[in-house]
């Protein structure tokens, strides 16, 4: 389930397509659009672990005119590794009760919600629904389906829930989307049920539209196995990484996005091979497209971390098992010596932990001076095991000394072990002259707020091609003035009320800061200069 920036909901149809209501995006029309912000993966919209994306295309149901056909697809700029909500293809689930969910108003005329709410609503036949009269008498049988407490009311979707899914479990215990929240008269009133787009009627049309945008939802169980997160080293050929598809109609055509430079995927076999040429952590999505018409797709996503070649003495591994008892904290250590200077801004920590419920775990790297860097904080729910390489900015830490991997089991019932871990400090050297502040700062209406980054240990002045990467969530960026303030108080305007009604700023600005000393406290100042909209600084990074 996702929340859309205009105040609607939606469901993940594929990892790049969101199914929502046409009336939510009717003002945008069909075509390229970067106007829709997407929040996924959380109950609390302010949860810092939320995943956000921006749209790059909107497709509205052909022939939509406000009466029926209330569905649309939104394609996002990067895949979201999300479970998918399958669509109903027949009426076999049209009985009993359905589940509805959203962040809309909890009462008629009330405010939108910060936390996701859900409720169960009983099925109502088309004939009974149409008997409510008024607008209901125009109910379009087959295209629309109704649900709600007919006699007593009290439970319903409401303003702000539009576009969200109505769903229930099938005989195989799978969640199936039956409807899309569309319209109603008021909220939760007796004899005035909620009306939902009947997705089984439009399933083929939705699939055909999706095929033109990257691929239809998996049908017949087309899935791609996940090989797990990958780690490799610049200049060293990777061991071939294979991908396996099942279901759909063979043969499959393979593609990939986000691969590190120097790597490629075979379109016929799905094998990734090559030699990485640059460092970094990359979000990789591998997709299999089958031979059906229209084509069906399955995909999987994972991270691929490419590290610099270890310099002797600047990396270490501890392969000794350490048991993680229930509700305990344990540590494993590595000692680094002979590594000059500070650690790298792109140091890596490769962690292998065996545990049946990783949502119980908090995993931290503890530097020799006691500073702690949280790598994993109770995410992942009931998933098994952590096999991940984390990239960490350790440029403020001396490389030499004893480093500790600390693992806390913070909930009852499961145990495990640290299997092994490897620390690569990137060879030390001069600390990176860069910084990031990922702490959210609310931007109230008609206000000015700031976020700071403190830099030290950087020699001389900043570069003439310094960069400032700004991520601001806001529903009307034409309200905003965004300024970088140097330690000496000099100001550099990055964004000055341009963009009109567009949502969000996700931009990297190049700024000549050659007259400014690198060291000191740098400030991002954001002014909301017009009424009607609010937002937040999501994160920003400075590289001098």
Protein backbone atom coordinates (compact mmCIF):
# COMPACT_ATOMS: atom_id res chain seq x y z
CA UNK A 1 0.00 0.00 0.00
CA UNK A 2 1.27 3.49 -0.83
CA UNK A 3 0.35 7.07 0.00
CA UNK A 4 0.35 9.53 -2.89
CA UNK A 5 1.29 13.18 -2.45
CA UNK A 6 -2.04 14.55 -3.70
CA UNK A 7 -3.79 12.80 -0.79
CA UNK A 8 -4.83 9.46 -2.31
CA UNK A 9 -3.82 5.86 -1.79
CA UNK A 10 -2.71 3.13 -4.15
CA UNK A 11 -1.50 -0.46 -4.35
CA UNK A 12 1.69 -1.93 -5.82
CA UNK A 13 0.72 -3.56 -9.13
CA UNK A 14 4.32 -4.25 -10.16
CA UNK A 15 7.53 -3.01 -8.57
CA UNK A 16 7.40 0.09 -10.77
CA UNK A 17 3.62 0.56 -11.22
CA UNK A 18 1.01 1.73 -8.71
CA UNK A 19 -2.70 1.11 -9.29
CA UNK A 20 -4.90 3.96 -8.07
CA UNK A 21 -8.09 5.82 -8.98
CA UNK A 22 -8.29 7.88 -12.18
CA UNK A 23 -9.95 10.77 -10.38
CA UNK A 24 -6.83 11.16 -8.21
CA UNK A 25 -4.66 12.06 -11.22
CA UNK A 26 -7.22 13.25 -13.78
CA UNK A 27 -5.75 16.76 -13.68
CA UNK A 28 -2.39 15.42 -14.90
CA UNK A 29 -3.63 13.56 -17.97
CA UNK A 30 -1.92 10.55 -19.53
CA UNK A 31 1.79 11.10 -20.21
CA UNK A 32 5.14 11.84 -18.56
CA UNK A 33 4.77 13.41 -15.12
CA UNK A 34 7.07 13.93 -12.15
CA UNK A 35 4.34 15.54 -10.05
CA UNK A 36 3.36 12.61 -7.84
CA UNK A 37 5.30 11.76 -4.71
CA UNK A 38 5.00 8.21 -3.33
CA UNK A 39 5.51 6.94 0.24
CA UNK A 40 5.73 3.18 0.83
CA UNK A 41 6.59 0.65 3.49
CA UNK A 42 5.35 2.31 6.69
CA UNK A 43 2.25 2.72 8.83
CA UNK A 44 3.44 6.12 10.12
CA UNK A 45 3.93 8.58 7.25
CA UNK A 46 6.63 10.32 9.31
CA UNK A 47 8.59 7.12 9.97
CA UNK A 48 12.23 7.83 8.95
CA UNK A 49 12.49 4.31 7.46
CA UNK A 50 9.84 5.09 4.83
CA UNK A 51 10.66 4.59 1.16
CA UNK A 52 9.89 7.52 -1.15
CA UNK A 53 9.73 7.73 -4.92
CA UNK A 54 8.67 10.23 -7.59
CA UNK A 55 6.46 9.42 -10.57
CA UNK A 56 7.74 9.57 -14.14
CA UNK A 57 4.55 8.61 -16.02
CA UNK A 58 0.79 8.57 -15.45
CA UNK A 59 -1.69 6.46 -17.43
CA UNK A 60 -5.41 7.19 -16.98
CA UNK A 61 -8.04 4.64 -18.06
CA UNK A 62 -9.01 5.35 -21.67
CA UNK A 63 -12.47 6.90 -21.83
CA UNK A 64 -12.52 7.99 -18.19
CA UNK A 65 -14.91 10.93 -17.80
CA UNK A 66 -15.75 10.82 -14.11
CA UNK A 67 -18.38 8.11 -14.49
CA UNK A 68 -16.95 4.57 -14.18
CA UNK A 69 -13.56 3.40 -15.46
CA UNK A 70 -12.03 4.92 -12.33
CA UNK A 71 -8.54 3.42 -12.51
CA UNK A 72 -5.06 4.69 -13.38
CA UNK A 73 -1.45 3.52 -13.27
CA UNK A 74 1.46 5.59 -11.94
CA UNK A 75 4.99 4.55 -12.89
CA UNK A 76 7.70 5.44 -10.38
CA UNK A 77 11.26 6.54 -11.15
CA UNK A 78 12.89 3.58 -9.36
CA UNK A 79 11.53 0.14 -8.47
CA UNK A 80 10.20 -0.58 -5.00
CA UNK A 81 11.00 -4.04 -3.68
CA UNK A 82 7.46 -4.65 -2.49
CA UNK A 83 5.09 -7.60 -2.31
CA UNK A 84 2.41 -7.19 -4.99
CA UNK A 85 -1.35 -7.20 -4.56
CA UNK A 86 -2.84 -9.49 -7.19
CA UNK A 87 -6.04 -8.48 -8.97
CA UNK A 88 -9.27 -10.45 -8.88
CA UNK A 89 -10.15 -11.90 -12.30
CA UNK A 90 -13.66 -13.20 -11.49
CA UNK A 91 -16.52 -12.68 -9.02
CA UNK A 92 -15.71 -15.63 -6.75
CA UNK A 93 -14.73 -13.29 -3.89
CA UNK A 94 -17.89 -11.15 -4.11
CA UNK A 95 -19.33 -12.22 -0.76
CA UNK A 96 -18.71 -11.78 2.94
CA UNK A 97 -16.52 -8.86 4.00
CA UNK A 98 -13.61 -7.00 2.45
CA UNK A 99 -10.73 -5.09 4.04
CA UNK A 100 -10.16 -1.43 3.19
CA UNK A 101 -7.20 0.72 4.27
CA UNK A 102 -5.86 4.24 3.93
CA UNK A 103 -4.60 7.42 5.55
CA UNK A 104 -7.83 9.33 4.84
CA UNK A 105 -10.17 11.02 7.29
CA UNK A 106 -11.39 8.94 10.23
CA UNK A 107 -14.72 10.79 10.28
CA UNK A 108 -16.62 12.72 7.64
CA UNK A 109 -14.99 16.15 7.19
CA UNK A 110 -12.10 15.22 9.48
CA UNK A 111 -8.35 15.62 8.88
CA UNK A 112 -6.14 13.20 7.01
CA UNK A 113 -4.37 10.64 9.18
CA UNK A 114 -0.68 10.25 9.98
CA UNK A 115 -1.10 6.52 10.67
CA UNK A 116 -2.57 3.92 8.31
CA UNK A 117 -6.06 2.76 9.29
CA UNK A 118 -7.96 -0.31 8.11
CA UNK A 119 -11.47 -1.69 8.48
CA UNK A 120 -13.73 -4.50 7.28
CA UNK A 121 -16.81 -3.69 5.18
CA UNK A 122 -19.52 -6.15 4.05
CA UNK A 123 -20.26 -6.83 0.36
CA UNK A 124 -23.44 -5.22 -1.02
CA UNK A 125 -25.00 -6.43 -4.26
CA UNK A 126 -25.28 -4.07 -7.20
CA UNK A 127 -29.08 -4.18 -7.05
CA UNK A 128 -29.21 -3.26 -3.37
CA UNK A 129 -26.60 -0.54 -3.85
CA UNK A 130 -28.50 1.06 -6.73
CA UNK A 131 -31.68 1.04 -4.62
CA UNK A 132 -30.12 3.74 -2.40
CA UNK A 133 -31.27 6.22 -5.07
CA UNK A 134 -29.72 9.52 -6.01
CA UNK A 135 -26.22 9.08 -7.42
CA UNK A 136 -26.38 5.38 -6.57
CA UNK A 137 -29.16 4.84 -9.11
CA UNK A 138 -26.53 5.45 -11.81
CA UNK A 139 -24.29 2.67 -10.50
CA UNK A 140 -22.55 0.95 -13.42
CA UNK A 141 -22.97 -2.78 -12.89
CA UNK A 142 -19.75 -4.76 -13.48
CA UNK A 143 -17.60 -1.60 -13.49
CA UNK A 144 -18.43 -0.75 -9.87
CA UNK A 145 -18.87 -2.77 -6.67
CA UNK A 146 -20.31 -1.59 -3.34
CA UNK A 147 -19.48 -2.37 0.29
CA UNK A 148 -20.45 -1.04 3.72
CA UNK A 149 -22.77 -1.51 6.69
CA UNK A 150 -26.12 -0.94 4.96
CA UNK A 151 -28.28 -0.78 8.08
CA UNK A 152 -26.07 0.88 10.67
CA UNK A 153 -23.24 2.59 8.75
CA UNK A 154 -20.35 3.46 11.02
CA UNK A 155 -17.52 1.91 8.98
CA UNK A 156 -16.42 3.13 5.56
CA UNK A 157 -13.65 4.66 3.50
CA UNK A 158 -13.63 8.46 3.58
CA UNK A 159 -12.02 11.55 2.02
CA UNK A 160 -8.34 10.82 1.33
CA UNK A 161 -8.78 7.06 0.97
CA UNK A 162 -9.51 7.31 -2.78
CA UNK A 163 -7.33 5.09 -4.93
CA UNK A 164 -6.56 2.68 -2.12
CA UNK A 165 -7.32 -1.04 -2.41
CA UNK A 166 -10.28 -3.10 -1.19
CA UNK A 167 -9.08 -6.66 -0.76
CA UNK A 168 -9.64 -10.06 0.86
CA UNK A 169 -8.01 -13.49 1.07
CA UNK A 170 -8.78 -16.18 -1.50
CA UNK A 171 -8.96 -19.94 -0.91
CA UNK A 172 -5.15 -20.13 -1.12
CA UNK A 173 -4.89 -17.52 1.66
CA UNK A 174 -3.48 -14.91 -0.76
CA UNK A 175 -4.54 -11.28 -0.51
CA UNK A 176 -6.46 -10.32 -3.67
CA UNK A 177 -7.50 -6.79 -4.68
CA UNK A 178 -11.22 -6.68 -5.47
CA UNK A 179 -11.76 -2.93 -5.72
CA UNK A 180 -10.27 0.57 -5.85
CA UNK A 181 -11.79 3.18 -3.52
CA UNK A 182 -13.78 5.45 -5.87
CA UNK A 183 -16.73 7.43 -4.44
CA UNK A 184 -19.60 7.59 -1.98
CA UNK A 185 -22.07 10.00 -0.42
CA UNK A 186 -20.54 11.22 2.81
CA UNK A 187 -18.76 8.69 5.01
CA UNK A 188 -20.15 5.70 6.92
CA UNK A 189 -23.81 6.70 6.59
CA UNK A 190 -26.54 4.03 6.73
CA UNK A 191 -27.90 3.18 3.29
CA UNK A 192 -25.02 5.02 1.57
CA UNK A 193 -22.24 2.49 0.98
CA UNK A 194 -18.81 3.05 -0.46
CA UNK A 195 -18.43 2.49 -4.21
CA UNK A 196 -15.28 0.86 -5.59
CA UNK A 197 -13.91 0.25 -9.08
CA UNK A 198 -14.45 -3.46 -9.79
CA UNK A 199 -10.93 -4.46 -10.81
CA UNK A 200 -11.77 -7.93 -12.16
CA UNK A 201 -13.77 -6.23 -14.95
CA UNK A 202 -10.75 -4.09 -15.93
CA UNK A 203 -7.98 -6.64 -15.22
CA UNK A 204 -7.16 -7.21 -18.90
CA UNK A 205 -7.23 -3.46 -19.71
CA UNK A 206 -4.95 -2.75 -16.75
CA UNK A 207 -2.58 -5.51 -17.87
CA UNK A 208 -2.44 -4.15 -21.45
CA UNK A 209 -1.70 -0.64 -20.19
CA UNK A 210 0.95 -1.97 -17.82
CA UNK A 211 2.61 -3.90 -20.64
CA UNK A 212 3.25 -0.61 -22.43
CA UNK A 213 4.82 0.81 -19.25
CA UNK A 214 7.23 -2.01 -18.48
CA UNK A 215 5.17 -5.16 -17.99
CA UNK A 216 1.89 -6.62 -16.80
CA UNK A 217 1.48 -7.94 -13.28
CA UNK A 218 2.82 -11.44 -12.92
CA UNK A 219 0.26 -14.03 -13.98
CA UNK A 220 0.59 -17.75 -13.60
CA UNK A 221 3.14 -17.22 -10.82
CA UNK A 222 5.99 -15.63 -12.83
CA UNK A 223 8.63 -14.93 -10.21
CA UNK A 224 12.36 -14.23 -10.15
CA UNK A 225 14.51 -15.72 -7.41
CA UNK A 226 16.58 -13.29 -5.36
CA UNK A 227 20.32 -14.13 -5.22
CA UNK A 228 20.82 -11.93 -2.15
CA UNK A 229 22.84 -8.74 -1.74
CA UNK A 230 26.16 -8.79 -3.59
CA UNK A 231 29.60 -7.42 -2.70
CA UNK A 232 32.64 -7.14 -4.94
CA UNK A 233 35.86 -5.20 -5.40
CA UNK A 234 36.91 -2.69 -8.05
CA UNK A 235 39.13 -4.28 -10.67
CA UNK A 236 38.28 -7.87 -9.73
CA UNK A 237 35.99 -9.93 -11.95
CA UNK A 238 32.81 -10.98 -10.16
CA UNK A 239 31.73 -14.58 -9.83
CA UNK A 240 28.82 -14.97 -12.23
CA UNK A 241 25.48 -14.23 -10.54
CA UNK A 242 22.61 -16.31 -11.90
CA UNK A 243 18.88 -15.52 -11.80
CA UNK A 244 16.09 -18.06 -12.15
CA UNK A 245 12.52 -17.37 -13.30
CA UNK A 246 9.56 -19.66 -12.76
CA UNK A 247 6.01 -19.49 -14.12
CA UNK A 248 4.76 -17.52 -17.10
CA UNK A 249 5.62 -18.57 -20.65
CA UNK A 250 9.25 -19.41 -21.47
CA UNK A 251 11.61 -18.35 -22.94
CA UNK A 252 12.31 -15.23 -20.91
CA UNK A 253 14.09 -12.03 -21.85
CA UNK A 254 16.26 -10.58 -19.08
CA UNK A 255 17.12 -6.98 -18.27
CA UNK A 256 18.60 -5.11 -15.33
CA UNK A 257 18.74 -1.57 -14.00
CA UNK A 258 21.24 -0.12 -11.54
CA UNK A 259 24.13 -2.50 -12.18
CA UNK A 260 27.58 -1.16 -11.20
CA UNK A 261 29.65 0.14 -14.12
CA UNK A 262 31.51 -2.70 -15.80
CA UNK A 263 28.80 -5.32 -15.17
CA UNK A 264 26.12 -6.51 -17.58
CA UNK A 265 23.34 -9.08 -17.75
CA UNK A 266 22.82 -11.66 -20.49
CA UNK A 267 19.40 -11.05 -22.04
CA UNK A 268 19.00 -14.77 -22.76
CA UNK A 269 20.33 -16.39 -19.56
CA UNK A 270 19.93 -13.76 -16.83
CA UNK A 271 23.56 -14.16 -15.73
CA UNK A 272 25.38 -11.03 -14.51
CA UNK A 273 29.12 -10.92 -15.15
CA UNK A 274 31.99 -8.48 -15.66
CA UNK A 275 34.54 -6.46 -13.70
CA UNK A 276 33.39 -3.45 -11.62
CA UNK A 277 35.10 -0.16 -12.46
CA UNK A 278 33.72 2.17 -9.76
CA UNK A 279 32.90 2.02 -6.06
CA UNK A 280 29.54 2.58 -4.39
CA UNK A 281 26.36 0.87 -3.30
CA UNK A 282 23.93 0.26 -6.16
CA UNK A 283 20.22 -0.64 -6.13
CA UNK A 284 19.82 -3.38 -8.73
CA UNK A 285 16.53 -4.63 -10.17
CA UNK A 286 16.55 -7.68 -12.44
CA UNK A 287 13.46 -8.31 -14.57
CA UNK A 288 12.32 -11.34 -16.53
CA UNK A 289 9.78 -10.78 -19.33
CA UNK A 290 7.99 -13.84 -20.63
CA UNK A 291 6.83 -14.67 -24.18
CA UNK A 292 3.10 -14.22 -23.58
CA UNK A 293 1.03 -11.51 -25.30
CA UNK A 294 0.65 -9.21 -23.50
CA UNK A 295 3.95 -9.87 -21.79
CA UNK A 296 4.08 -10.85 -18.13
CA UNK A 297 6.95 -9.75 -15.93
CA UNK A 298 8.59 -10.77 -12.70
CA UNK A 299 11.42 -8.95 -10.98
CA UNK A 300 13.60 -8.93 -7.91
CA UNK A 301 15.73 -6.22 -6.28
CA UNK A 302 18.85 -6.21 -4.16
CA UNK A 303 21.90 -4.08 -3.43
CA UNK A 304 25.37 -4.47 -4.93
CA UNK A 305 28.26 -2.89 -3.03
CA UNK A 306 31.57 -2.35 -4.82
CA UNK A 307 34.50 -1.56 -2.53
CA UNK A 308 37.91 -0.20 -3.29
CA UNK A 309 40.68 -2.77 -3.32
CA UNK A 310 41.77 -3.33 0.29
CA UNK A 311 45.09 -1.81 1.26
CA UNK A 312 47.12 -4.23 3.41
CA UNK A 313 46.35 -3.66 7.06
CA UNK A 314 43.16 -1.65 6.40
CA UNK A 315 40.71 -4.56 6.42
CA UNK A 316 39.96 -7.38 8.81
CA UNK A 317 37.59 -10.32 9.18
CA UNK A 318 36.26 -12.21 12.19
CA UNK A 319 34.80 -15.58 11.18
CA UNK A 320 34.29 -16.91 14.72
CA UNK A 321 30.66 -17.71 15.52
CA UNK A 322 29.11 -15.70 18.35
CA UNK A 323 25.79 -16.98 19.73
CA UNK A 324 22.98 -14.42 20.03
CA UNK A 325 20.76 -15.55 22.92
CA UNK A 326 17.21 -14.23 23.18
CA UNK A 327 16.94 -10.70 24.62
CA UNK A 328 20.70 -10.19 24.83
CA UNK A 329 23.52 -8.02 23.46
CA UNK A 330 26.72 -9.61 22.10
CA UNK A 331 29.85 -8.32 20.35
CA UNK A 332 32.52 -9.53 17.93
CA UNK A 333 35.81 -7.64 17.44
CA UNK A 334 38.46 -7.05 14.79
CA UNK A 335 41.76 -5.26 15.38
CA UNK A 336 43.20 -2.98 12.68
CA UNK A 337 46.81 -1.78 12.73
CA UNK A 338 49.27 -0.38 10.20
CA UNK A 339 46.56 1.63 8.44
CA UNK A 340 47.63 5.29 8.16
CA UNK A 341 45.30 8.15 8.95
CA UNK A 342 41.54 8.11 9.13
CA UNK A 343 39.10 5.61 7.68
CA UNK A 344 37.36 6.23 4.37
CA UNK A 345 34.03 7.97 3.77
CA UNK A 346 33.08 4.81 1.84
CA UNK A 347 34.20 2.21 4.35
CA UNK A 348 32.26 -1.06 4.18
CA UNK A 349 31.00 -3.53 6.77
CA UNK A 350 29.99 -6.93 5.40
CA UNK A 351 27.74 -8.66 7.96
CA UNK A 352 26.55 -12.27 7.97
CA UNK A 353 24.10 -13.06 10.79
CA UNK A 354 22.00 -16.21 11.07
CA UNK A 355 18.68 -15.40 12.76
CA UNK A 356 15.06 -16.45 12.05
CA UNK A 357 13.50 -13.00 12.75
CA UNK A 358 15.73 -10.06 11.82
CA UNK A 359 13.10 -7.55 12.95
CA UNK A 360 14.30 -8.38 16.49
CA UNK A 361 17.84 -7.15 15.81
CA UNK A 362 19.75 -3.89 16.21
CA UNK A 363 23.21 -4.13 14.61
CA UNK A 364 25.83 -1.43 15.21
CA UNK A 365 29.48 -0.86 14.33
CA UNK A 366 31.41 0.58 17.29
CA UNK A 367 34.62 2.50 16.49
CA UNK A 368 37.75 2.36 18.67
CA UNK A 369 36.75 5.66 20.32
CA UNK A 370 33.29 4.31 21.24
CA UNK A 371 31.31 6.07 18.51
CA UNK A 372 28.45 3.85 17.29
CA UNK A 373 27.09 3.57 13.74
CA UNK A 374 23.73 1.80 13.46
CA UNK A 375 23.69 -0.55 10.46
CA UNK A 376 20.34 -2.32 10.98
CA UNK A 377 17.54 -1.17 13.29
CA UNK A 378 14.79 -3.78 13.68
CA UNK A 379 13.71 -3.70 10.05
CA UNK A 380 12.79 -6.71 7.92
CA UNK A 381 10.09 -8.19 10.16
CA UNK A 382 10.02 -11.99 10.11
CA UNK A 383 12.64 -12.36 7.35
CA UNK A 384 15.55 -14.75 7.99
CA UNK A 385 19.23 -13.78 8.25
CA UNK A 386 21.27 -10.68 7.43
CA UNK A 387 23.76 -11.00 4.58
CA UNK A 388 24.44 -7.38 3.74
CA UNK A 389 27.37 -5.07 3.00
CA UNK A 390 26.85 -1.61 4.50
CA UNK A 391 28.69 1.50 3.27
CA UNK A 392 29.51 3.84 6.18
CA UNK A 393 31.15 7.26 6.33
CA UNK A 394 33.93 6.70 8.87
CA UNK A 395 36.09 9.62 7.75
CA UNK A 396 36.06 11.12 11.26
CA UNK A 397 37.48 7.93 12.79
CA UNK A 398 41.12 6.90 13.14
CA UNK A 399 41.55 3.63 11.25
CA UNK A 400 43.75 1.82 13.75
CA UNK A 401 42.34 0.20 16.86
CA UNK A 402 39.74 -2.37 17.92
CA UNK A 403 36.41 -2.22 16.09
CA UNK A 404 33.34 -4.03 17.42
CA UNK A 405 30.21 -5.39 15.81
CA UNK A 406 27.46 -5.14 18.42
CA UNK A 407 24.22 -7.10 17.99
CA UNK A 408 21.21 -6.61 20.26
CA UNK A 409 18.26 -9.04 20.26
CA UNK A 410 15.49 -6.66 21.37
CA UNK A 411 12.44 -8.95 21.32
CA UNK A 412 11.53 -12.33 22.72
CA UNK A 413 11.31 -15.81 21.16
CA UNK A 414 14.19 -16.11 18.65
CA UNK A 415 17.93 -16.78 18.82
CA UNK A 416 20.77 -16.84 16.30
CA UNK A 417 24.46 -16.18 15.79
CA UNK A 418 26.98 -13.82 14.24
CA UNK A 419 28.42 -15.99 11.47
CA UNK A 420 31.15 -13.64 10.23
CA UNK A 421 31.84 -10.00 9.47
CA UNK A 422 34.44 -8.05 7.50
CA UNK A 423 35.52 -4.44 7.93
CA UNK A 424 37.23 -2.58 5.05
CA UNK A 425 38.33 0.93 6.00
CA UNK A 426 39.31 1.88 2.46
CA UNK A 427 42.94 2.58 3.17
CA UNK A 428 42.60 5.62 5.41
CA UNK A 429 44.06 8.90 4.21
CA UNK A 430 42.57 12.38 4.26
CA UNK A 431 39.04 12.61 5.73
CA UNK A 432 36.28 13.16 3.19
CA UNK A 433 35.16 16.79 2.79
CA UNK A 434 31.53 15.84 2.58
CA UNK A 435 28.60 15.41 4.91
CA UNK A 436 24.95 14.44 5.04
CA UNK A 437 22.08 15.35 7.33
CA UNK A 438 19.20 12.87 7.05
CA UNK A 439 17.17 14.19 9.98
CA UNK A 440 13.69 15.33 8.93
CA UNK A 441 12.91 19.01 9.54
CA UNK A 442 9.25 20.03 9.26
CA UNK A 443 8.52 23.08 7.06
CA UNK A 444 5.39 24.74 8.50
CA UNK A 445 3.40 27.13 6.33
CA UNK A 446 4.95 30.65 6.05
CA UNK A 447 8.06 29.77 8.04
CA UNK A 448 11.85 29.55 7.72
CA UNK A 449 13.71 26.46 8.94
CA UNK A 450 17.32 25.27 8.86
CA UNK A 451 19.37 22.06 8.86
CA UNK A 452 23.13 21.98 9.49
CA UNK A 453 26.23 19.96 8.57
CA UNK A 454 29.50 20.47 10.47
CA UNK A 455 32.78 19.74 8.63
CA UNK A 456 36.25 19.53 10.15
CA UNK A 457 39.66 18.25 9.13
CA UNK A 458 39.32 19.49 5.53
CA UNK A 459 42.25 21.57 4.31
CA UNK A 460 41.87 24.87 2.46
CA UNK A 461 38.92 26.26 0.58
CA UNK A 462 36.00 24.49 -1.03
CA UNK A 463 35.88 23.62 -4.72
CA UNK A 464 34.53 25.74 -7.54
CA UNK A 465 32.40 22.70 -8.42
CA UNK A 466 31.07 21.89 -4.97
CA UNK A 467 27.70 20.12 -4.94
CA UNK A 468 24.62 20.36 -2.74
CA UNK A 469 22.08 17.54 -3.05
CA UNK A 470 18.68 18.56 -1.68
CA UNK A 471 15.67 16.30 -1.00
CA UNK A 472 12.63 18.27 0.13
CA UNK A 473 9.10 16.88 0.33
CA UNK A 474 6.61 19.68 -0.38
CA UNK A 475 3.32 19.93 -2.27
CA UNK A 476 3.98 23.32 -3.96
CA UNK A 477 7.69 24.03 -4.58
CA UNK A 478 6.89 27.44 -6.05
CA UNK A 479 6.41 28.52 -2.41
CA UNK A 480 10.03 27.77 -1.49
CA UNK A 481 13.32 29.68 -1.34
CA UNK A 482 16.24 27.31 -0.63
CA UNK A 483 19.62 28.77 0.33
CA UNK A 484 23.02 27.37 1.32
CA UNK A 485 24.64 29.44 4.09
CA UNK A 486 28.44 29.15 4.46
CA UNK A 487 30.18 29.14 7.88
CA UNK A 488 31.02 32.85 7.45
CA UNK A 489 27.37 33.73 6.76
CA UNK A 490 27.66 34.10 2.96
CA UNK A 491 24.53 32.88 1.19
CA UNK A 492 24.05 30.97 -2.07
CA UNK A 493 20.47 30.75 -3.38
CA UNK A 494 19.79 27.30 -4.85
CA UNK A 495 16.03 27.52 -5.58
CA UNK A 496 13.95 30.69 -5.70
CA UNK A 497 10.21 30.01 -5.93
CA UNK A 498 10.36 28.26 -9.29
CA UNK A 499 8.41 25.13 -10.28
CA UNK A 500 4.90 26.36 -9.54
CA UNK A 501 2.59 23.65 -8.20
CA UNK A 502 5.06 20.79 -8.75
CA UNK A 503 5.76 18.49 -5.81
CA UNK A 504 9.12 17.96 -4.11
CA UNK A 505 12.70 19.03 -4.80
CA UNK A 506 15.16 16.22 -5.54
CA UNK A 507 18.06 18.10 -7.13
CA UNK A 508 21.85 18.31 -7.01
CA UNK A 509 23.13 21.88 -7.39
CA UNK A 510 26.71 22.73 -8.45
CA UNK A 511 27.98 25.83 -6.64
CA UNK A 512 31.25 27.80 -6.84
CA UNK A 513 32.38 27.88 -3.21
CA UNK A 514 36.05 28.48 -3.92
CA UNK A 515 36.06 31.63 -1.75
CA UNK A 516 34.80 29.70 1.29
CA UNK A 517 36.84 27.79 3.88
CA UNK A 518 35.71 24.17 3.99
CA UNK A 519 35.70 23.73 7.76
CA UNK A 520 32.80 24.94 9.88
CA UNK A 521 29.03 24.65 10.10
CA UNK A 522 27.12 24.82 6.82
CA UNK A 523 23.40 25.52 6.87
CA UNK A 524 20.56 24.69 4.48
CA UNK A 525 17.89 27.37 4.95
CA UNK A 526 14.39 26.82 3.57
CA UNK A 527 11.76 29.56 3.52
CA UNK A 528 8.08 28.84 2.80
CA UNK A 529 7.02 32.18 1.34
CA UNK A 530 3.32 31.58 0.52
CA UNK A 531 0.29 30.13 2.26
CA UNK A 532 -1.49 26.84 1.76
CA UNK A 533 1.17 24.10 1.79
CA UNK A 534 3.59 22.42 4.20
CA UNK A 535 6.40 19.89 3.86
CA UNK A 536 9.74 18.81 5.26
CA UNK A 537 13.47 18.72 4.59
CA UNK A 538 13.97 14.98 4.03
CA UNK A 539 17.76 14.99 3.69
CA UNK A 540 20.62 16.98 2.17
CA UNK A 541 24.27 16.34 1.35
CA UNK A 542 27.22 18.68 0.85
CA UNK A 543 30.40 17.76 -1.03
CA UNK A 544 33.18 20.39 -1.05
